[in-house]
Amino acid sequence: MQTFREGCLHTVKRTGTLLAKEPGLRAFIGGEEHPYVRCIIADLNDPTRHFECRVLDEDDLPVAVGEPITLEIVRAITDRRSGQVRFDCRLVQ
């Protein structure tokens, strides 16, 4: 996700601890099939806050559960019924 603030374009990143991952998943996004890893991240500053993410274009993550991870947010998706927000991300290496 990119935002425009004060004349500059920047990306939004999330850093935290990888709590769980489910590799080897596939989804159609924009009419094309993409591999992704579903994961749950505990926020670095507030570990009680958890974020559900899809890490796009990855079959698996080179990060083990319990290790730190940084993701760049591509898109936020809100489930209108539950109010839950999920994120489509890319791995920052």
C-alpha atoms as a PDB file:
ATOM      1  CA  MET A   1       0.000   0.000   0.000  1.00  0.00           C
ATOM      2  CA  GLN A   2       1.399   3.362  -0.926  1.00  0.00           C
ATOM      3  CA  THR A   3       0.336   6.636   0.582  1.00  0.00           C
ATOM      4  CA  PHE A   4       0.990  10.189  -0.486  1.00  0.00           C
ATOM      5  CA  ARG A   5       2.005  12.521   2.299  1.00  0.00           C
ATOM      6  CA  GLU A   6       3.685  15.911   2.082  1.00  0.00           C
ATOM      7  CA  GLY A   7       4.748  15.439  -1.517  1.00  0.00           C
ATOM      8  CA  CYS A   8       6.458  12.057  -1.111  1.00  0.00           C
ATOM      9  CA  LEU A   9       5.353   8.520  -1.810  1.00  0.00           C
ATOM     10  CA  HIS A  10       6.147   5.856   0.797  1.00  0.00           C
ATOM     11  CA  THR A  11       5.186   2.283   1.554  1.00  0.00           C
ATOM     12  CA  VAL A  12       3.628   0.905   4.718  1.00  0.00           C
ATOM     13  CA  LYS A  13       5.500  -1.911   6.441  1.00  0.00           C
ATOM     14  CA  ARG A  14       4.660  -4.196   9.348  1.00  0.00           C
ATOM     15  CA  THR A  15       7.352  -5.717  11.525  1.00  0.00           C
ATOM     16  CA  GLY A  16       6.695  -8.356  14.130  1.00  0.00           C
ATOM     17  CA  THR A  17       7.091 -11.965  15.169  1.00  0.00           C
ATOM     18  CA  LEU A  18       5.839 -14.745  12.910  1.00  0.00           C
ATOM     19  CA  LEU A  19       3.320 -16.733  14.980  1.00  0.00           C
ATOM     20  CA  ALA A  20       1.999 -19.142  12.335  1.00  0.00           C
ATOM     21  CA  LYS A  21       2.351 -19.835   8.631  1.00  0.00           C
ATOM     22  CA  GLU A  22       0.531 -21.982   6.092  1.00  0.00           C
ATOM     23  CA  PRO A  23       2.706 -22.326   2.945  1.00  0.00           C
ATOM     24  CA  GLY A  24       1.871 -23.611  -0.521  1.00  0.00           C
ATOM     25  CA  LEU A  25      -1.485 -21.878  -1.053  1.00  0.00           C
ATOM     26  CA  ARG A  26      -2.732 -20.418  -4.348  1.00  0.00           C
ATOM     27  CA  ALA A  27      -5.210 -17.673  -5.224  1.00  0.00           C
ATOM     28  CA  PHE A  28      -6.450 -15.856  -8.307  1.00  0.00           C
ATOM     29  CA  ILE A  29      -5.670 -12.156  -8.016  1.00  0.00           C
ATOM     30  CA  GLY A  30      -6.405  -9.866 -10.941  1.00  0.00           C
ATOM     31  CA  GLY A  31      -7.174 -12.869 -13.142  1.00  0.00           C
ATOM     32  CA  GLU A  32      -3.781 -14.512 -12.546  1.00  0.00           C
ATOM     33  CA  GLU A  33      -2.896 -17.391 -10.250  1.00  0.00           C
ATOM     34  CA  HIS A  34      -0.388 -16.473  -7.533  1.00  0.00           C
ATOM     35  CA  PRO A  35       1.241 -18.577  -4.808  1.00  0.00           C
ATOM     36  CA  TYR A  36       0.974 -17.200  -1.292  1.00  0.00           C
ATOM     37  CA  VAL A  37       1.633 -18.008   2.346  1.00  0.00           C
ATOM     38  CA  ARG A  38      -1.045 -17.281   4.933  1.00  0.00           C
ATOM     39  CA  CYS A  39       0.507 -16.093   8.187  1.00  0.00           C
ATOM     40  CA  ILE A  40      -0.206 -14.434  11.508  1.00  0.00           C
ATOM     41  CA  ILE A  41       2.153 -11.757  12.800  1.00  0.00           C
ATOM     42  CA  ALA A  42       2.383 -10.354  16.351  1.00  0.00           C
ATOM     43  CA  ASP A  43       3.098  -6.608  16.226  1.00  0.00           C
ATOM     44  CA  LEU A  44       6.630  -5.626  17.272  1.00  0.00           C
ATOM     45  CA  ASN A  45       5.499  -2.766  19.547  1.00  0.00           C
ATOM     46  CA  ASP A  46       2.382  -4.461  20.962  1.00  0.00           C
ATOM     47  CA  PRO A  47       2.685  -8.284  20.789  1.00  0.00           C
ATOM     48  CA  THR A  48      -0.958  -8.696  21.872  1.00  0.00           C
ATOM     49  CA  ARG A  49      -2.023  -7.237  18.485  1.00  0.00           C
ATOM     50  CA  HIS A  50      -2.058  -9.895  15.776  1.00  0.00           C
ATOM     51  CA  PHE A  51      -2.296  -9.355  12.010  1.00  0.00           C
ATOM     52  CA  GLU A  52      -3.529 -11.897   9.474  1.00  0.00           C
ATOM     53  CA  CYS A  53      -1.589 -11.614   6.207  1.00  0.00           C
ATOM     54  CA  ARG A  54      -1.220 -13.232   2.814  1.00  0.00           C
ATOM     55  CA  VAL A  55       2.394 -13.004   1.634  1.00  0.00           C
ATOM     56  CA  LEU A  56       2.009 -12.932  -2.139  1.00  0.00           C
ATOM     57  CA  ASP A  57       4.224 -14.629  -4.730  1.00  0.00           C
ATOM     58  CA  GLU A  58       5.937 -16.884  -2.170  1.00  0.00           C
ATOM     59  CA  ASP A  59       5.572 -20.682  -1.886  1.00  0.00           C
ATOM     60  CA  ASP A  60       7.099 -20.634   1.610  1.00  0.00           C
ATOM     61  CA  LEU A  61       8.796 -18.103   3.862  1.00  0.00           C
ATOM     62  CA  PRO A  62      12.505 -18.335   4.750  1.00  0.00           C
ATOM     63  CA  VAL A  63      11.509 -17.278   8.272  1.00  0.00           C
ATOM     64  CA  ALA A  64      10.739 -19.793  11.021  1.00  0.00           C
ATOM     65  CA  VAL A  65       7.823 -19.432  13.422  1.00  0.00           C
ATOM     66  CA  GLY A  66       8.970 -17.326  16.374  1.00  0.00           C
ATOM     67  CA  GLU A  67      11.440 -15.250  14.331  1.00  0.00           C
ATOM     68  CA  PRO A  68      11.090 -11.564  13.369  1.00  0.00           C
ATOM     69  CA  ILE A  69       9.642 -10.689   9.952  1.00  0.00           C
ATOM     70  CA  THR A  70       9.044  -7.480   7.990  1.00  0.00           C
ATOM     71  CA  LEU A  71       6.302  -7.243   5.369  1.00  0.00           C
ATOM     72  CA  GLU A  72       5.341  -4.478   2.935  1.00  0.00           C
ATOM     73  CA  ILE A  73       1.565  -4.011   2.770  1.00  0.00           C
ATOM     74  CA  VAL A  74       0.172  -4.085  -0.768  1.00  0.00           C
ATOM     75  CA  ARG A  75      -3.542  -3.972   0.054  1.00  0.00           C
ATOM     76  CA  ALA A  76      -5.826  -4.038   3.085  1.00  0.00           C
ATOM     77  CA  ILE A  77      -9.037  -6.088   2.902  1.00  0.00           C
ATOM     78  CA  THR A  78     -11.890  -5.548   5.368  1.00  0.00           C
ATOM     79  CA  ASP A  79     -14.512  -8.230   6.034  1.00  0.00           C
ATOM     80  CA  ARG A  80     -17.655  -6.113   6.329  1.00  0.00           C
ATOM     81  CA  ARG A  81     -19.540  -8.624   8.454  1.00  0.00           C
ATOM     82  CA  SER A  82     -16.904  -9.201  11.122  1.00  0.00           C
ATOM     83  CA  GLY A  83     -14.964  -5.950  10.732  1.00  0.00           C
ATOM     84  CA  GLN A  84     -11.730  -7.954  10.569  1.00  0.00           C
ATOM     85  CA  VAL A  85      -8.912  -6.505   8.455  1.00  0.00           C
ATOM     86  CA  ARG A  86      -6.452  -8.721   6.568  1.00  0.00           C
ATOM     87  CA  PHE A  87      -3.437  -7.632   4.582  1.00  0.00           C
ATOM     88  CA  ASP A  88      -1.948  -8.686   1.253  1.00  0.00           C
ATOM     89  CA  CYS A  89       1.816  -8.226   1.599  1.00  0.00           C
ATOM     90  CA  ARG A  90       5.197  -8.815   0.053  1.00  0.00           C
ATOM     91  CA  LEU A  91       8.210 -10.092   1.968  1.00  0.00           C
ATOM     92  CA  VAL A  92      10.892  -7.457   2.667  1.00  0.00           C
ATOM     93  CA  GLN A  93      14.302  -9.084   2.399  1.00  0.00           C
END
